[in-house]
């Protein structure tokens, strides 16, 4: 049950991440506190998935969270450095 809840958190955070990247890359629209919300959302999903039972939801959430956080830091690194 916890794995499914973590997966839902992961999906919501991923949707926000995609919308935010679209706004950032297409319109050059940067909102500082959205970074913090996304970061906490990914951390929360990761922690809940670690506590959950072993299932496909858990594997998708854990692997997807790690990949998206690495991708996010890779994309935003140059922007943060220039601030």
N, C-alpha and C. Protein backbone atom coordinates (compact mmCIF):
# COMPACT_ATOMS: atom_id res chain seq x y z
N UNK A 1 0.82 -1.20 0.00
CA UNK A 1 0.00 0.00 0.00
C UNK A 1 0.86 1.27 0.00
N UNK A 2 1.96 1.25 0.78
CA UNK A 2 2.83 2.42 0.80
C UNK A 2 3.51 2.63 -0.54
N UNK A 3 3.79 1.54 -1.23
CA UNK A 3 4.45 1.66 -2.53
C UNK A 3 3.54 2.34 -3.54
N UNK A 4 2.25 2.04 -3.48
CA UNK A 4 1.31 2.69 -4.40
C UNK A 4 1.17 4.18 -4.08
N UNK A 5 1.15 4.52 -2.79
CA UNK A 5 1.09 5.93 -2.40
C UNK A 5 2.35 6.67 -2.85
N UNK A 6 3.50 6.04 -2.68
CA UNK A 6 4.76 6.64 -3.13
C UNK A 6 4.75 6.82 -4.65
N UNK A 7 4.18 5.86 -5.36
CA UNK A 7 4.10 5.96 -6.81
C UNK A 7 3.21 7.13 -7.23
N UNK A 8 2.12 7.36 -6.50
CA UNK A 8 1.25 8.50 -6.80
C UNK A 8 1.97 9.82 -6.56
N UNK A 9 2.72 9.91 -5.47
CA UNK A 9 3.52 11.10 -5.20
C UNK A 9 4.53 11.30 -6.32
N UNK A 10 5.15 10.22 -6.74
CA UNK A 10 6.14 10.28 -7.82
C UNK A 10 5.49 10.78 -9.11
N UNK A 11 4.31 10.29 -9.44
CA UNK A 11 3.63 10.73 -10.67
C UNK A 11 3.27 12.21 -10.62
N UNK A 12 2.76 12.67 -9.50
CA UNK A 12 2.41 14.09 -9.37
C UNK A 12 3.66 14.96 -9.49
N UNK A 13 4.72 14.56 -8.80
CA UNK A 13 5.97 15.33 -8.86
C UNK A 13 6.56 15.31 -10.25
N UNK A 14 6.47 14.18 -10.94
CA UNK A 14 6.99 14.09 -12.30
C UNK A 14 6.19 14.99 -13.25
N UNK A 15 4.88 15.04 -13.09
CA UNK A 15 4.06 15.93 -13.92
C UNK A 15 4.43 17.39 -13.68
N UNK A 16 4.61 17.77 -12.42
CA UNK A 16 5.04 19.13 -12.11
C UNK A 16 6.42 19.41 -12.70
N UNK A 17 7.29 18.42 -12.65
CA UNK A 17 8.64 18.55 -13.20
C UNK A 17 8.59 18.80 -14.71
N UNK A 18 7.76 18.07 -15.41
CA UNK A 18 7.65 18.22 -16.87
C UNK A 18 7.09 19.60 -17.22
N UNK A 19 6.06 20.04 -16.51
CA UNK A 19 5.48 21.36 -16.77
C UNK A 19 6.50 22.45 -16.47
N UNK A 20 7.23 22.30 -15.37
CA UNK A 20 8.24 23.29 -14.99
C UNK A 20 9.37 23.34 -16.01
N UNK A 21 9.84 22.18 -16.47
CA UNK A 21 10.90 22.17 -17.48
C UNK A 21 10.43 22.80 -18.79
N UNK A 22 9.20 22.54 -19.16
CA UNK A 22 8.65 23.16 -20.37
C UNK A 22 8.63 24.69 -20.23
N UNK A 23 8.14 25.17 -19.09
CA UNK A 23 8.10 26.62 -18.88
C UNK A 23 9.50 27.21 -18.82
N UNK A 24 10.43 26.48 -18.23
CA UNK A 24 11.79 26.99 -18.11
C UNK A 24 12.51 27.00 -19.46
N UNK A 25 12.42 25.91 -20.20
CA UNK A 25 13.17 25.81 -21.44
C UNK A 25 12.55 26.60 -22.59
N UNK A 26 11.23 26.66 -22.66
CA UNK A 26 10.57 27.35 -23.77
C UNK A 26 10.44 28.85 -23.50
N UNK A 27 10.02 29.20 -22.29
CA UNK A 27 9.74 30.60 -21.99
C UNK A 27 10.81 31.26 -21.12
N UNK A 28 11.85 30.53 -20.73
CA UNK A 28 12.89 31.03 -19.81
C UNK A 28 12.25 31.58 -18.54
N UNK A 29 11.28 30.86 -18.02
CA UNK A 29 10.53 31.27 -16.84
C UNK A 29 11.03 30.46 -15.65
N UNK A 30 11.74 31.10 -14.74
CA UNK A 30 12.32 30.41 -13.58
C UNK A 30 11.65 30.89 -12.31
N UNK A 31 11.17 29.96 -11.50
CA UNK A 31 10.57 30.28 -10.21
C UNK A 31 11.37 29.54 -9.14
N UNK A 32 12.05 30.27 -8.25
CA UNK A 32 12.97 29.62 -7.31
C UNK A 32 12.32 28.60 -6.38
N UNK A 33 11.14 28.86 -5.86
CA UNK A 33 10.57 27.96 -4.87
C UNK A 33 10.01 26.68 -5.48
N UNK A 34 9.81 26.65 -6.77
CA UNK A 34 9.36 25.42 -7.42
C UNK A 34 10.48 24.37 -7.34
N UNK A 35 11.73 24.81 -7.41
CA UNK A 35 12.86 23.89 -7.23
C UNK A 35 12.75 23.16 -5.90
N UNK A 36 12.47 23.92 -4.87
CA UNK A 36 12.38 23.35 -3.53
C UNK A 36 11.20 22.38 -3.42
N UNK A 37 10.07 22.74 -3.98
CA UNK A 37 8.89 21.87 -3.95
C UNK A 37 9.16 20.57 -4.70
N UNK A 38 9.77 20.66 -5.87
CA UNK A 38 10.10 19.46 -6.64
C UNK A 38 11.09 18.59 -5.89
N UNK A 39 12.10 19.20 -5.30
CA UNK A 39 13.11 18.44 -4.57
C UNK A 39 12.48 17.69 -3.40
N UNK A 40 11.63 18.36 -2.61
CA UNK A 40 10.97 17.69 -1.49
C UNK A 40 10.00 16.62 -1.97
N UNK A 41 9.33 16.85 -3.09
CA UNK A 41 8.43 15.84 -3.64
C UNK A 41 9.17 14.57 -4.04
N UNK A 42 10.32 14.73 -4.71
CA UNK A 42 11.11 13.57 -5.09
C UNK A 42 11.68 12.84 -3.87
N UNK A 43 12.16 13.59 -2.88
CA UNK A 43 12.69 12.97 -1.66
C UNK A 43 11.59 12.22 -0.92
N UNK A 44 10.41 12.83 -0.81
CA UNK A 44 9.28 12.20 -0.12
C UNK A 44 8.88 10.91 -0.82
N UNK A 45 8.78 10.93 -2.14
CA UNK A 45 8.43 9.72 -2.88
C UNK A 45 9.48 8.64 -2.69
N UNK A 46 10.75 9.02 -2.70
CA UNK A 46 11.83 8.05 -2.53
C UNK A 46 11.78 7.40 -1.15
N UNK A 47 11.58 8.20 -0.12
CA UNK A 47 11.54 7.67 1.25
C UNK A 47 10.33 6.77 1.44
N UNK A 48 9.18 7.18 0.95
CA UNK A 48 7.98 6.34 1.08
C UNK A 48 8.13 5.03 0.31
N UNK A 49 8.78 5.07 -0.84
CA UNK A 49 8.98 3.85 -1.61
C UNK A 49 9.94 2.90 -0.90
N UNK A 50 10.94 3.44 -0.24
CA UNK A 50 11.87 2.58 0.50
C UNK A 50 11.17 1.86 1.65
N UNK A 51 10.20 2.53 2.27
CA UNK A 51 9.46 1.93 3.38
C UNK A 51 8.42 0.91 2.91
N UNK A 52 8.04 0.97 1.65
CA UNK A 52 6.96 0.14 1.13
C UNK A 52 7.36 -1.29 0.85
N UNK A 53 6.35 -2.09 0.54
CA UNK A 53 6.57 -3.50 0.21
C UNK A 53 7.17 -3.61 -1.19
N UNK A 54 7.81 -4.72 -1.45
CA UNK A 54 8.45 -4.92 -2.75
C UNK A 54 7.38 -5.17 -3.81
N UNK A 55 7.38 -4.30 -4.79
CA UNK A 55 6.44 -4.43 -5.91
C UNK A 55 6.99 -3.64 -7.09
N UNK A 56 6.29 -3.70 -8.19
CA UNK A 56 6.71 -2.97 -9.38
C UNK A 56 6.61 -1.46 -9.15
N UNK A 57 5.63 -1.02 -8.34
CA UNK A 57 5.50 0.40 -8.03
C UNK A 57 6.74 0.91 -7.31
N UNK A 58 7.26 0.10 -6.41
CA UNK A 58 8.45 0.49 -5.64
C UNK A 58 9.65 0.63 -6.56
N UNK A 59 9.85 -0.32 -7.45
CA UNK A 59 11.01 -0.27 -8.35
C UNK A 59 10.93 0.92 -9.29
N UNK A 60 9.75 1.17 -9.84
CA UNK A 60 9.58 2.32 -10.75
C UNK A 60 9.83 3.63 -10.01
N UNK A 61 9.30 3.73 -8.80
CA UNK A 61 9.46 4.96 -8.02
C UNK A 61 10.91 5.20 -7.65
N UNK A 62 11.59 4.17 -7.16
CA UNK A 62 12.99 4.34 -6.74
C UNK A 62 13.89 4.68 -7.93
N UNK A 63 13.80 3.90 -8.98
CA UNK A 63 14.66 4.14 -10.16
C UNK A 63 14.30 5.44 -10.86
N UNK A 64 13.02 5.71 -11.01
CA UNK A 64 12.59 6.93 -11.67
C UNK A 64 12.98 8.18 -10.91
N UNK A 65 12.88 8.13 -9.59
CA UNK A 65 13.27 9.28 -8.78
C UNK A 65 14.75 9.58 -8.93
N UNK A 66 15.56 8.56 -8.85
CA UNK A 66 17.01 8.76 -8.99
C UNK A 66 17.34 9.32 -10.37
N UNK A 67 16.77 8.76 -11.41
CA UNK A 67 17.05 9.24 -12.77
C UNK A 67 16.58 10.69 -12.99
N UNK A 68 15.39 11.01 -12.50
CA UNK A 68 14.88 12.37 -12.70
C UNK A 68 15.65 13.41 -11.90
N UNK A 69 16.08 13.06 -10.69
CA UNK A 69 16.87 14.01 -9.90
C UNK A 69 18.22 14.25 -10.56
N UNK A 70 18.86 13.20 -11.07
CA UNK A 70 20.13 13.37 -11.78
C UNK A 70 19.92 14.23 -13.03
N UNK A 71 18.88 13.95 -13.79
CA UNK A 71 18.57 14.74 -14.98
C UNK A 71 18.30 16.20 -14.62
N UNK A 72 17.55 16.42 -13.56
CA UNK A 72 17.22 17.77 -13.12
C UNK A 72 18.48 18.55 -12.73
N UNK A 73 19.35 17.93 -11.94
CA UNK A 73 20.59 18.62 -11.56
C UNK A 73 21.48 18.87 -12.77
N UNK A 74 21.50 17.96 -13.71
CA UNK A 74 22.30 18.14 -14.92
C UNK A 74 21.78 19.32 -15.76
N UNK A 75 20.47 19.43 -15.90
CA UNK A 75 19.88 20.51 -16.70
C UNK A 75 20.03 21.86 -16.00
N UNK A 76 19.80 21.90 -14.70
CA UNK A 76 19.77 23.17 -13.99
C UNK A 76 21.13 23.63 -13.48
N UNK A 77 22.16 22.81 -13.59
CA UNK A 77 23.46 23.15 -13.03
C UNK A 77 24.02 24.45 -13.59
N UNK A 78 23.98 24.62 -14.88
CA UNK A 78 24.52 25.84 -15.49
C UNK A 78 23.72 27.07 -15.09
N UNK A 79 22.42 26.91 -14.97
CA UNK A 79 21.59 28.05 -14.58
C UNK A 79 21.89 28.46 -13.15
N UNK A 80 21.99 27.49 -12.24
CA UNK A 80 22.27 27.80 -10.84
C UNK A 80 23.65 28.42 -10.68
N UNK A 81 24.60 27.97 -11.48
CA UNK A 81 25.96 28.50 -11.40
C UNK A 81 26.00 29.95 -11.85
N UNK A 82 25.15 30.32 -12.77
CA UNK A 82 25.13 31.68 -13.27
C UNK A 82 24.37 32.66 -12.39
N UNK A 83 23.68 32.18 -11.38
CA UNK A 83 22.88 33.06 -10.53
C UNK A 83 23.75 33.89 -9.62
